[in-house]
């Protein structure tokens, strides 16, 4: 399982590597550059699935992650 994902802000393009929790999803994430708050896109369970280079751990394990 991969626990590090790089989130790319859709507003300003800033990228930040974050370590994902294995037992929870991040529903909100604040960009460290432009300070905009990110929310998952429709159909995604968390900001990692929407804006990260790697899907969250539950999805990596084949779970539908709350859907």
PDB file of N, CA and C in Angstrom:
ATOM      1  N   UNK A   1       0.841  -1.172   0.000  1.00  0.00           N
ATOM      2  CA  UNK A   1       0.000   0.000   0.000  1.00  0.00           C
ATOM      3  C   UNK A   1       0.889   1.240   0.000  1.00  0.00           C
ATOM      4  N   UNK A   2       0.497   2.228  -0.783  1.00  0.00           N
ATOM      5  CA  UNK A   2       1.226   3.492  -0.862  1.00  0.00           C
ATOM      6  C   UNK A   2       0.525   4.489   0.057  1.00  0.00           C
ATOM      7  N   UNK A   3       1.292   5.117   0.943  1.00  0.00           N
ATOM      8  CA  UNK A   3       0.701   6.020   1.920  1.00  0.00           C
ATOM      9  C   UNK A   3       1.026   7.495   1.673  1.00  0.00           C
ATOM     10  N   UNK A   4       1.814   7.795   0.652  1.00  0.00           N
ATOM     11  CA  UNK A   4       2.134   9.189   0.338  1.00  0.00           C
ATOM     12  C   UNK A   4       1.530   9.534  -1.021  1.00  0.00           C
ATOM     13  N   UNK A   5       0.813  10.649  -1.042  1.00  0.00           N
ATOM     14  CA  UNK A   5       0.185  11.116  -2.271  1.00  0.00           C
ATOM     15  C   UNK A   5       0.493  12.595  -2.426  1.00  0.00           C
ATOM     16  N   UNK A   6       0.681  13.030  -3.657  1.00  0.00           N
ATOM     17  CA  UNK A   6       0.942  14.447  -3.925  1.00  0.00           C
ATOM     18  C   UNK A   6      -0.361  15.092  -4.385  1.00  0.00           C
ATOM     19  N   UNK A   7      -0.858  16.011  -3.584  1.00  0.00           N
ATOM     20  CA  UNK A   7      -2.094  16.728  -3.912  1.00  0.00           C
ATOM     21  C   UNK A   7      -1.745  17.937  -4.766  1.00  0.00           C
ATOM     22  N   UNK A   8      -2.481  18.097  -5.873  1.00  0.00           N
ATOM     23  CA  UNK A   8      -2.313  19.254  -6.741  1.00  0.00           C
ATOM     24  C   UNK A   8      -3.549  20.134  -6.617  1.00  0.00           C
ATOM     25  N   UNK A   9      -3.342  21.378  -6.225  1.00  0.00           N
ATOM     26  CA  UNK A   9      -4.448  22.325  -6.094  1.00  0.00           C
ATOM     27  C   UNK A   9      -4.986  22.685  -7.479  1.00  0.00           C
ATOM     28  N   UNK A  10      -6.295  22.518  -7.705  1.00  0.00           N
ATOM     29  CA  UNK A  10      -6.861  22.866  -9.011  1.00  0.00           C
ATOM     30  C   UNK A  10      -6.942  24.374  -9.247  1.00  0.00           C
ATOM     31  N   UNK A  11      -6.824  25.156  -8.193  1.00  0.00           N
ATOM     32  CA  UNK A  11      -6.904  26.617  -8.320  1.00  0.00           C
ATOM     33  C   UNK A  11      -5.585  27.241  -8.750  1.00  0.00           C
ATOM     34  N   UNK A  12      -4.477  26.821  -8.093  1.00  0.00           N
ATOM     35  CA  UNK A  12      -3.196  27.490  -8.362  1.00  0.00           C
ATOM     36  C   UNK A  12      -2.106  26.545  -8.874  1.00  0.00           C
ATOM     37  N   UNK A  13      -2.369  25.237  -8.851  1.00  0.00           N
ATOM     38  CA  UNK A  13      -1.403  24.278  -9.362  1.00  0.00           C
ATOM     39  C   UNK A  13      -0.326  23.863  -8.367  1.00  0.00           C
ATOM     40  N   UNK A  14      -0.365  24.408  -7.145  1.00  0.00           N
ATOM     41  CA  UNK A  14       0.630  24.058  -6.132  1.00  0.00           C
ATOM     42  C   UNK A  14       0.512  22.577  -5.778  1.00  0.00           C
ATOM     43  N   UNK A  15       1.656  21.920  -5.594  1.00  0.00           N
ATOM     44  CA  UNK A  15       1.674  20.504  -5.244  1.00  0.00           C
ATOM     45  C   UNK A  15       2.308  20.315  -3.881  1.00  0.00           C
ATOM     46  N   UNK A  16       1.706  19.437  -3.074  1.00  0.00           N
ATOM     47  CA  UNK A  16       2.200  19.154  -1.733  1.00  0.00           C
ATOM     48  C   UNK A  16       2.058  17.663  -1.466  1.00  0.00           C
ATOM     49  N   UNK A  17       3.150  17.025  -1.035  1.00  0.00           N
ATOM     50  CA  UNK A  17       3.076  15.616  -0.643  1.00  0.00           C
ATOM     51  C   UNK A  17       2.491  15.523   0.756  1.00  0.00           C
ATOM     52  N   UNK A  18       1.582  14.593   0.934  1.00  0.00           N
ATOM     53  CA  UNK A  18       0.947  14.356   2.230  1.00  0.00           C
ATOM     54  C   UNK A  18       0.924  12.860   2.507  1.00  0.00           C
ATOM     55  N   UNK A  19       1.073  12.507   3.768  1.00  0.00           N
ATOM     56  CA  UNK A  19       0.936  11.116   4.194  1.00  0.00           C
ATOM     57  C   UNK A  19      -0.530  10.871   4.524  1.00  0.00           C
ATOM     58  N   UNK A  20      -1.101   9.852   3.894  1.00  0.00           N
ATOM     59  CA  UNK A  20      -2.520   9.561   4.072  1.00  0.00           C
ATOM     60  C   UNK A  20      -2.745   8.699   5.307  1.00  0.00           C
ATOM     61  N   UNK A  21      -3.807   8.985   6.060  1.00  0.00           N
ATOM     62  CA  UNK A  21      -4.159   8.098   7.168  1.00  0.00           C
ATOM     63  C   UNK A  21      -4.724   6.793   6.622  1.00  0.00           C
ATOM     64  N   UNK A  22      -4.477   5.685   7.314  1.00  0.00           N
ATOM     65  CA  UNK A  22      -4.981   4.392   6.829  1.00  0.00           C
ATOM     66  C   UNK A  22      -6.404   4.123   7.303  1.00  0.00           C
ATOM     67  N   UNK A  23      -6.870   4.872   8.297  1.00  0.00           N
ATOM     68  CA  UNK A  23      -8.175   4.568   8.893  1.00  0.00           C
ATOM     69  C   UNK A  23      -9.192   5.695   8.732  1.00  0.00           C
ATOM     70  N   UNK A  24      -8.901   6.665   7.873  1.00  0.00           N
ATOM     71  CA  UNK A  24      -9.833   7.779   7.690  1.00  0.00           C
ATOM     72  C   UNK A  24      -9.600   8.419   6.324  1.00  0.00           C
ATOM     73  N   UNK A  25     -10.590   9.194   5.887  1.00  0.00           N
ATOM     74  CA  UNK A  25     -10.464   9.957   4.648  1.00  0.00           C
ATOM     75  C   UNK A  25     -10.414  11.433   4.989  1.00  0.00           C
ATOM     76  N   UNK A  26      -9.712  12.196   4.155  1.00  0.00           N
ATOM     77  CA  UNK A  26      -9.707  13.649   4.300  1.00  0.00           C
ATOM     78  C   UNK A  26     -10.759  14.208   3.355  1.00  0.00           C
ATOM     79  N   UNK A  27     -11.800  14.798   3.923  1.00  0.00           N
ATOM     80  CA  UNK A  27     -12.873  15.376   3.119  1.00  0.00           C
ATOM     81  C   UNK A  27     -12.567  16.817   2.729  1.00  0.00           C
ATOM     82  N   UNK A  28     -11.719  17.484   3.515  1.00  0.00           N
ATOM     83  CA  UNK A  28     -11.340  18.863   3.243  1.00  0.00           C
ATOM     84  C   UNK A  28      -9.832  18.989   3.329  1.00  0.00           C
ATOM     85  N   UNK A  29      -9.279  19.863   2.508  1.00  0.00           N
ATOM     86  CA  UNK A  29      -7.840  20.094   2.502  1.00  0.00           C
ATOM     87  C   UNK A  29      -7.591  21.529   2.096  1.00  0.00           C
ATOM     88  N   UNK A  30      -6.759  22.241   2.865  1.00  0.00           N
ATOM     89  CA  UNK A  30      -6.452  23.620   2.526  1.00  0.00           C
ATOM     90  C   UNK A  30      -5.112  23.693   1.818  1.00  0.00           C
ATOM     91  N   UNK A  31      -5.105  24.315   0.640  1.00  0.00           N
ATOM     92  CA  UNK A  31      -3.884  24.487  -0.137  1.00  0.00           C
ATOM     93  C   UNK A  31      -2.902  25.357   0.655  1.00  0.00           C
ATOM     94  N   UNK A  32      -1.669  24.908   0.732  1.00  0.00           N
ATOM     95  CA  UNK A  32      -0.647  25.654   1.459  1.00  0.00           C
ATOM     96  C   UNK A  32      -0.175  26.896   0.714  1.00  0.00           C
ATOM     97  N   UNK A  33      -0.548  27.051  -0.546  1.00  0.00           N
ATOM     98  CA  UNK A  33      -0.127  28.204  -1.328  1.00  0.00           C
ATOM     99  C   UNK A  33      -1.218  29.279  -1.395  1.00  0.00           C
ATOM    100  N   UNK A  34      -2.372  28.932  -1.959  1.00  0.00           N
ATOM    101  CA  UNK A  34      -3.429  29.930  -2.159  1.00  0.00           C
ATOM    102  C   UNK A  34      -4.503  29.909  -1.076  1.00  0.00           C
ATOM    103  N   UNK A  35      -4.417  28.952  -0.152  1.00  0.00           N
ATOM    104  CA  UNK A  35      -5.324  28.838   1.000  1.00  0.00           C
ATOM    105  C   UNK A  35      -6.760  28.421   0.654  1.00  0.00           C
ATOM    106  N   UNK A  36      -7.037  28.069  -0.594  1.00  0.00           N
ATOM    107  CA  UNK A  36      -8.379  27.611  -0.955  1.00  0.00           C
ATOM    108  C   UNK A  36      -8.627  26.251  -0.293  1.00  0.00           C
ATOM    109  N   UNK A  37      -9.879  26.008   0.096  1.00  0.00           N
ATOM    110  CA  UNK A  37     -10.252  24.721   0.675  1.00  0.00           C
ATOM    111  C   UNK A  37     -10.737  23.795  -0.442  1.00  0.00           C
ATOM    112  N   UNK A  38     -10.153  22.610  -0.516  1.00  0.00           N
ATOM    113  CA  UNK A  38     -10.548  21.618  -1.513  1.00  0.00           C
ATOM    114  C   UNK A  38     -11.533  20.651  -0.893  1.00  0.00           C
ATOM    115  N   UNK A  39     -12.510  20.219  -1.686  1.00  0.00           N
ATOM    116  CA  UNK A  39     -13.465  19.181  -1.310  1.00  0.00           C
ATOM    117  C   UNK A  39     -13.428  18.132  -2.404  1.00  0.00           C
ATOM    118  N   UNK A  40     -13.768  16.881  -2.067  1.00  0.00           N
ATOM    119  CA  UNK A  40     -13.768  15.839  -3.090  1.00  0.00           C
ATOM    120  C   UNK A  40     -14.721  16.177  -4.248  1.00  0.00           C
ATOM    121  N   UNK A  41     -14.327  15.792  -5.441  1.00  0.00           N
ATOM    122  CA  UNK A  41     -15.202  15.940  -6.597  1.00  0.00           C
ATOM    123  C   UNK A  41     -16.337  14.935  -6.493  1.00  0.00           C
ATOM    124  N   UNK A  42     -17.438  15.204  -7.153  1.00  0.00           N
ATOM    125  CA  UNK A  42     -18.589  14.303  -7.124  1.00  0.00           C
ATOM    126  C   UNK A  42     -18.153  12.892  -7.542  1.00  0.00           C
ATOM    127  N   UNK A  43     -18.513  11.910  -6.724  1.00  0.00           N
ATOM    128  CA  UNK A  43     -18.168  10.524  -7.003  1.00  0.00           C
ATOM    129  C   UNK A  43     -16.899  10.055  -6.310  1.00  0.00           C
ATOM    130  N   UNK A  44     -16.115  10.992  -5.764  1.00  0.00           N
ATOM    131  CA  UNK A  44     -14.903  10.629  -5.031  1.00  0.00           C
ATOM    132  C   UNK A  44     -15.159  10.723  -3.534  1.00  0.00           C
ATOM    133  N   UNK A  45     -14.411   9.912  -2.772  1.00  0.00           N
ATOM    134  CA  UNK A  45     -14.642   9.869  -1.329  1.00  0.00           C
ATOM    135  C   UNK A  45     -13.803  10.868  -0.551  1.00  0.00           C
ATOM    136  N   UNK A  46     -12.708  11.345  -1.141  1.00  0.00           N
ATOM    137  CA  UNK A  46     -11.823  12.228  -0.386  1.00  0.00           C
ATOM    138  C   UNK A  46     -10.958  13.057  -1.338  1.00  0.00           C
ATOM    139  N   UNK A  47     -10.207  13.996  -0.771  1.00  0.00           N
ATOM    140  CA  UNK A  47      -9.375  14.868  -1.600  1.00  0.00           C
ATOM    141  C   UNK A  47      -8.228  14.111  -2.271  1.00  0.00           C
ATOM    142  N   UNK A  48      -7.776  13.007  -1.667  1.00  0.00           N
ATOM    143  CA  UNK A  48      -6.716  12.214  -2.298  1.00  0.00           C
ATOM    144  C   UNK A  48      -7.222  11.558  -3.577  1.00  0.00           C
ATOM    145  N   UNK A  49      -8.456  11.070  -3.552  1.00  0.00           N
ATOM    146  CA  UNK A  49      -9.019  10.429  -4.748  1.00  0.00           C
ATOM    147  C   UNK A  49      -9.298  11.457  -5.849  1.00  0.00           C
ATOM    148  N   UNK A  50      -9.573  12.700  -5.474  1.00  0.00           N
ATOM    149  CA  UNK A  50      -9.860  13.740  -6.463  1.00  0.00           C
ATOM    150  C   UNK A  50      -8.621  14.466  -6.972  1.00  0.00           C
ATOM    151  N   UNK A  51      -7.675  14.763  -6.079  1.00  0.00           N
ATOM    152  CA  UNK A  51      -6.575  15.649  -6.448  1.00  0.00           C
ATOM    153  C   UNK A  51      -5.188  15.055  -6.210  1.00  0.00           C
ATOM    154  N   UNK A  52      -5.127  13.816  -5.697  1.00  0.00           N
ATOM    155  CA  UNK A  52      -3.843  13.211  -5.385  1.00  0.00           C
ATOM    156  C   UNK A  52      -3.303  12.328  -6.490  1.00  0.00           C
ATOM    157  N   UNK A  53      -2.012  12.031  -6.396  1.00  0.00           N
ATOM    158  CA  UNK A  53      -1.372  11.132  -7.353  1.00  0.00           C
ATOM    159  C   UNK A  53      -1.652   9.676  -7.019  1.00  0.00           C
ATOM    160  N   UNK A  54      -2.100   9.419  -5.783  1.00  0.00           N
ATOM    161  CA  UNK A  54      -2.413   8.067  -5.325  1.00  0.00           C
ATOM    162  C   UNK A  54      -3.766   8.108  -4.629  1.00  0.00           C
ATOM    163  N   UNK A  55      -4.624   7.151  -4.901  1.00  0.00           N
ATOM    164  CA  UNK A  55      -5.925   7.055  -4.236  1.00  0.00           C
ATOM    165  C   UNK A  55      -5.726   6.716  -2.763  1.00  0.00           C
ATOM    166  N   UNK A  56      -6.728   6.987  -1.939  1.00  0.00           N
ATOM    167  CA  UNK A  56      -6.635   6.752  -0.503  1.00  0.00           C
ATOM    168  C   UNK A  56      -6.508   5.249  -0.187  1.00  0.00           C
ATOM    169  N   UNK A  57      -5.968   4.907   0.990  1.00  0.00           N
ATOM    170  CA  UNK A  57      -5.767   3.500   1.354  1.00  0.00           C
ATOM    171  C   UNK A  57      -7.008   2.617   1.244  1.00  0.00           C
ATOM    172  N   UNK A  58      -8.197   3.049   1.712  1.00  0.00           N
ATOM    173  CA  UNK A  58      -9.371   2.162   1.549  1.00  0.00           C
ATOM    174  C   UNK A  58      -9.648   1.825   0.070  1.00  0.00           C
ATOM    175  N   UNK A  59      -9.508   2.788  -0.812  1.00  0.00           N
ATOM    176  CA  UNK A  59      -9.749   2.538  -2.239  1.00  0.00           C
ATOM    177  C   UNK A  59      -8.644   1.636  -2.796  1.00  0.00           C
ATOM    178  N   UNK A  60      -7.410   1.835  -2.351  1.00  0.00           N
ATOM    179  CA  UNK A  60      -6.307   0.952  -2.782  1.00  0.00           C
ATOM    180  C   UNK A  60      -6.587  -0.498  -2.401  1.00  0.00           C
ATOM    181  N   UNK A  61      -7.283  -0.687  -1.270  1.00  0.00           N
ATOM    182  CA  UNK A  61      -7.596  -2.041  -0.803  1.00  0.00           C
ATOM    183  C   UNK A  61      -8.866  -2.588  -1.435  1.00  0.00           C
ATOM    184  N   UNK A  62      -9.506  -1.807  -2.310  1.00  0.00           N
ATOM    185  CA  UNK A  62     -10.685  -2.295  -3.006  1.00  0.00           C
ATOM    186  C   UNK A  62     -11.989  -1.954  -2.312  1.00  0.00           C
ATOM    187  N   UNK A  63     -11.936  -1.148  -1.250  1.00  0.00           N
ATOM    188  CA  UNK A  63     -13.140  -0.723  -0.551  1.00  0.00           C
ATOM    189  C   UNK A  63     -13.758   0.425  -1.328  1.00  0.00           C
ATOM    190  N   UNK A  64     -15.075   0.577  -1.228  1.00  0.00           N
ATOM    191  CA  UNK A  64     -15.712   1.683  -1.924  1.00  0.00           C
ATOM    192  C   UNK A  64     -15.633   2.965  -1.107  1.00  0.00           C
ATOM    193  N   UNK A  65     -15.058   2.907   0.075  1.00  0.00           N
ATOM    194  CA  UNK A  65     -14.760   4.096   0.893  1.00  0.00           C
ATOM    195  C   UNK A  65     -15.988   4.948   1.148  1.00  0.00           C
ATOM    196  N   UNK A  66     -17.046   4.325   1.628  1.00  0.00           N
ATOM    197  CA  UNK A  66     -18.231   5.082   2.028  1.00  0.00           C
ATOM    198  C   UNK A  66     -19.268   5.315   0.960  1.00  0.00           C
ATOM    199  N   UNK A  67     -19.078   4.797  -0.248  1.00  0.00           N
ATOM    200  CA  UNK A  67     -20.064   5.014  -1.315  1.00  0.00           C
ATOM    201  C   UNK A  67     -21.066   3.889  -1.306  1.00  0.00           C
TER     202      UNK A  67
END
